[in-house]
């Protein structure tokens, strides 16, 4: 399984780079827009869907759009920190902090679920497809992180070979075994 770890690390880095670039650019675009991205009809449909669910007025919609943009920017920043941490670990020969990556994945999953729910209620299939792809990428990244952790655990554990002639005694001397049929 050691050969798979290089590919796993490359896939994790690619997914982290994807979320850093695309979510970061999207968040900056929304935050720099005078209407916080509400003028882009296609990408702001989930804001209107959530706003309809909570009966938000126009100022509430603007605040909600700014909130989602800041959360996307925070997720992009977390993934950027993870990428820097990976390169630092590669240069120093230490292990990267997996909790940073997992925190970014939690943010992605929460934002994606909040984004896909209004599209499901409105039966907007193209919007559901767009949001589901990001959710599936986060799921793939979580699975890859689990694979990477199990590779690390397998490398750290010493291999003990059981000797067949000497059974390991767990019970103290003179202990009676419990059997329900006595």
Protein backbone atom coordinates (compact mmCIF):
# COMPACT_ATOMS: atom_id res chain seq x y z
CA UNK A 1 0.00 0.00 0.00
CA UNK A 2 3.02 2.24 0.23
CA UNK A 3 2.93 2.88 -3.54
CA UNK A 4 -0.60 4.28 -3.29
CA UNK A 5 0.36 6.95 -0.77
CA UNK A 6 2.10 9.15 -3.37
CA UNK A 7 -1.01 9.13 -5.55
CA UNK A 8 -3.21 9.71 -2.51
CA UNK A 9 -1.14 12.72 -1.43
CA UNK A 10 -1.23 14.11 -4.98
CA UNK A 11 -5.03 13.75 -5.14
CA UNK A 12 -5.43 15.43 -1.73
CA UNK A 13 -3.22 18.29 -2.86
CA UNK A 14 -5.16 18.63 -6.13
CA UNK A 15 -8.49 18.79 -4.30
CA UNK A 16 -7.09 21.30 -1.79
CA UNK A 17 -5.77 23.40 -4.67
CA UNK A 18 -9.14 23.22 -6.43
CA UNK A 19 -11.02 24.51 -3.39
CA UNK A 20 -8.36 27.14 -2.71
CA UNK A 21 -8.48 28.57 -6.20
CA UNK A 22 -12.11 28.24 -7.21
CA UNK A 23 -13.73 28.98 -3.87
CA UNK A 24 -11.25 31.75 -3.15
CA UNK A 25 -11.84 33.42 -6.51
CA UNK A 26 -15.61 33.02 -6.16
CA UNK A 27 -15.57 34.48 -2.64
CA UNK A 28 -13.44 37.45 -3.66
CA UNK A 29 -15.70 38.05 -6.68
CA UNK A 30 -18.78 38.08 -4.45
CA UNK A 31 -17.19 40.26 -1.77
CA UNK A 32 -15.96 42.81 -4.33
CA UNK A 33 -19.31 43.02 -6.08
CA UNK A 34 -21.48 46.00 -5.06
CA UNK A 35 -24.47 43.69 -4.57
CA UNK A 36 -22.46 40.83 -3.01
CA UNK A 37 -22.87 38.59 -6.05
CA UNK A 38 -26.65 38.80 -6.24
CA UNK A 39 -26.39 40.30 -9.73
CA UNK A 40 -25.06 36.95 -11.02
CA UNK A 41 -28.35 35.10 -11.35
CA UNK A 42 -26.95 31.61 -11.88
CA UNK A 43 -24.54 31.50 -8.93
CA UNK A 44 -26.82 33.31 -6.49
CA UNK A 45 -29.87 31.07 -6.89
CA UNK A 46 -29.12 29.21 -3.67
CA UNK A 47 -29.00 32.55 -1.81
CA UNK A 48 -32.48 33.35 -3.07
CA UNK A 49 -33.62 29.82 -2.16
CA UNK A 50 -32.34 30.10 1.40
CA UNK A 51 -33.74 33.62 1.63
CA UNK A 52 -37.13 32.36 0.51
CA UNK A 53 -36.97 29.62 3.13
CA UNK A 54 -36.28 32.10 5.94
CA UNK A 55 -38.46 34.91 4.48
CA UNK A 56 -35.53 37.31 4.18
CA UNK A 57 -35.90 40.85 2.92
CA UNK A 58 -33.36 42.42 0.50
CA UNK A 59 -30.98 43.49 3.27
CA UNK A 60 -31.16 39.99 4.73
CA UNK A 61 -30.31 38.53 1.31
CA UNK A 62 -27.28 40.79 1.05
CA UNK A 63 -26.12 39.75 4.53
CA UNK A 64 -26.67 36.09 3.66
CA UNK A 65 -24.67 36.43 0.43
CA UNK A 66 -21.84 38.12 2.33
CA UNK A 67 -21.94 35.36 4.96
CA UNK A 68 -21.64 32.59 2.37
CA UNK A 69 -18.84 34.48 0.61
CA UNK A 70 -16.90 34.87 3.85
CA UNK A 71 -17.40 31.19 4.67
CA UNK A 72 -16.13 30.19 1.21
CA UNK A 73 -13.15 32.50 1.65
CA UNK A 74 -12.45 30.93 5.06
CA UNK A 75 -12.58 27.44 3.53
CA UNK A 76 -10.24 28.53 0.74
CA UNK A 77 -7.85 30.00 3.32
CA UNK A 78 -7.89 26.75 5.32
CA UNK A 79 -7.03 24.77 2.21
CA UNK A 80 -4.25 27.26 1.37
CA UNK A 81 -2.82 26.76 4.86
CA UNK A 82 -2.99 23.00 4.32
CA UNK A 83 -1.08 23.30 1.04
CA UNK A 84 1.62 25.38 2.74
CA UNK A 85 1.71 22.84 5.59
CA UNK A 86 2.15 19.99 3.08
CA UNK A 87 5.09 21.75 1.45
CA UNK A 88 6.61 22.50 4.87
CA UNK A 89 6.25 18.86 5.86
CA UNK A 90 7.80 17.78 2.59
CA UNK A 91 10.77 20.10 3.09
CA UNK A 92 11.39 19.18 6.74
CA UNK A 93 10.49 15.50 6.53
CA UNK A 94 7.74 15.71 9.14
CA UNK A 95 4.09 14.81 8.90
CA UNK A 96 1.52 17.41 7.83
CA UNK A 97 -1.29 18.33 10.21
CA UNK A 98 -4.33 16.42 8.94
CA UNK A 99 -6.74 18.36 11.15
CA UNK A 100 -6.28 21.47 9.00
CA UNK A 101 -7.43 19.61 5.91
CA UNK A 102 -10.32 18.00 7.75
CA UNK A 103 -11.51 21.38 9.05
CA UNK A 104 -11.62 22.65 5.47
CA UNK A 105 -13.57 19.57 4.41
CA UNK A 106 -16.12 20.16 7.17
CA UNK A 107 -16.62 23.72 5.93
CA UNK A 108 -17.01 22.51 2.34
CA UNK A 109 -19.58 19.88 3.31
CA UNK A 110 -21.64 22.32 5.38
CA UNK A 111 -21.62 25.01 2.70
CA UNK A 112 -22.37 22.51 -0.07
CA UNK A 113 -25.30 21.00 1.79
CA UNK A 114 -26.67 24.47 2.51
CA UNK A 115 -26.27 25.31 -1.18
CA UNK A 116 -27.77 22.15 -2.64
CA UNK A 117 -30.87 22.02 -0.42
CA UNK A 118 -32.68 25.02 -2.02
CA UNK A 119 -31.85 23.70 -5.47
CA UNK A 120 -33.41 20.37 -4.55
CA UNK A 121 -36.56 22.07 -3.26
CA UNK A 122 -36.83 24.15 -6.42
CA UNK A 123 -36.12 21.05 -8.57
CA UNK A 124 -33.30 22.86 -10.36
CA UNK A 125 -31.31 19.92 -11.73
CA UNK A 126 -28.35 21.86 -13.23
CA UNK A 127 -27.79 23.71 -9.96
CA UNK A 128 -28.05 20.45 -7.99
CA UNK A 129 -25.45 18.93 -10.33
CA UNK A 130 -23.04 21.83 -9.83
CA UNK A 131 -23.32 21.76 -6.04
CA UNK A 132 -23.23 17.96 -5.81
CA UNK A 133 -19.92 17.77 -7.66
CA UNK A 134 -18.27 19.84 -4.94
CA UNK A 135 -19.89 17.69 -2.27
CA UNK A 136 -18.59 14.55 -3.98
CA UNK A 137 -15.10 16.05 -4.21
CA UNK A 138 -15.20 16.67 -0.48
CA UNK A 139 -16.29 13.06 0.08
CA UNK A 140 -13.47 11.79 -2.12
CA UNK A 141 -10.99 13.95 -0.24
CA UNK A 142 -12.26 12.59 3.08
CA UNK A 143 -11.83 9.02 1.82
CA UNK A 144 -8.32 9.81 0.63
CA UNK A 145 -7.47 11.35 4.01
CA UNK A 146 -8.65 8.16 5.70
CA UNK A 147 -6.50 6.07 3.36
CA UNK A 148 -3.51 8.28 4.09
CA UNK A 149 -4.02 7.95 7.83
CA UNK A 150 -4.32 4.18 7.67
CA UNK A 151 -1.08 4.05 5.68
CA UNK A 152 0.64 6.11 8.39
CA UNK A 153 -0.74 3.92 11.17
CA UNK A 154 0.33 0.75 9.36
CA UNK A 155 3.87 2.11 8.99
CA UNK A 156 4.13 3.08 12.68
CA UNK A 157 2.90 -0.20 14.20
CA UNK A 158 5.58 -2.82 14.79
CA UNK A 159 4.81 -6.20 13.36
CA UNK A 160 4.62 -8.91 16.00
CA UNK A 161 4.65 -12.50 14.94
CA UNK A 162 2.67 -14.80 17.18
CA UNK A 163 4.47 -17.90 18.27
CA UNK A 164 2.15 -20.87 17.88
CA UNK A 165 3.79 -22.97 20.60
CA UNK A 166 3.39 -20.39 23.37
CA UNK A 167 -0.19 -19.22 23.87
CA UNK A 168 -0.66 -15.91 25.58
CA UNK A 169 -2.29 -16.31 29.00
CA UNK A 170 -4.70 -13.53 29.80
CA UNK A 171 -6.48 -14.84 32.91
CA UNK A 172 -4.75 -14.92 36.30
CA UNK A 173 -3.78 -18.25 37.89
CA UNK A 174 -6.66 -20.15 39.47
CA UNK A 175 -9.38 -18.22 37.66
CA UNK A 176 -12.44 -20.18 36.62
CA UNK A 177 -13.95 -19.65 33.26
CA UNK A 178 -17.52 -18.54 32.96
CA UNK A 179 -19.75 -20.93 31.09
CA UNK A 180 -23.48 -20.37 31.07
CA UNK A 181 -24.26 -24.11 30.75
CA UNK A 182 -23.04 -25.16 34.23
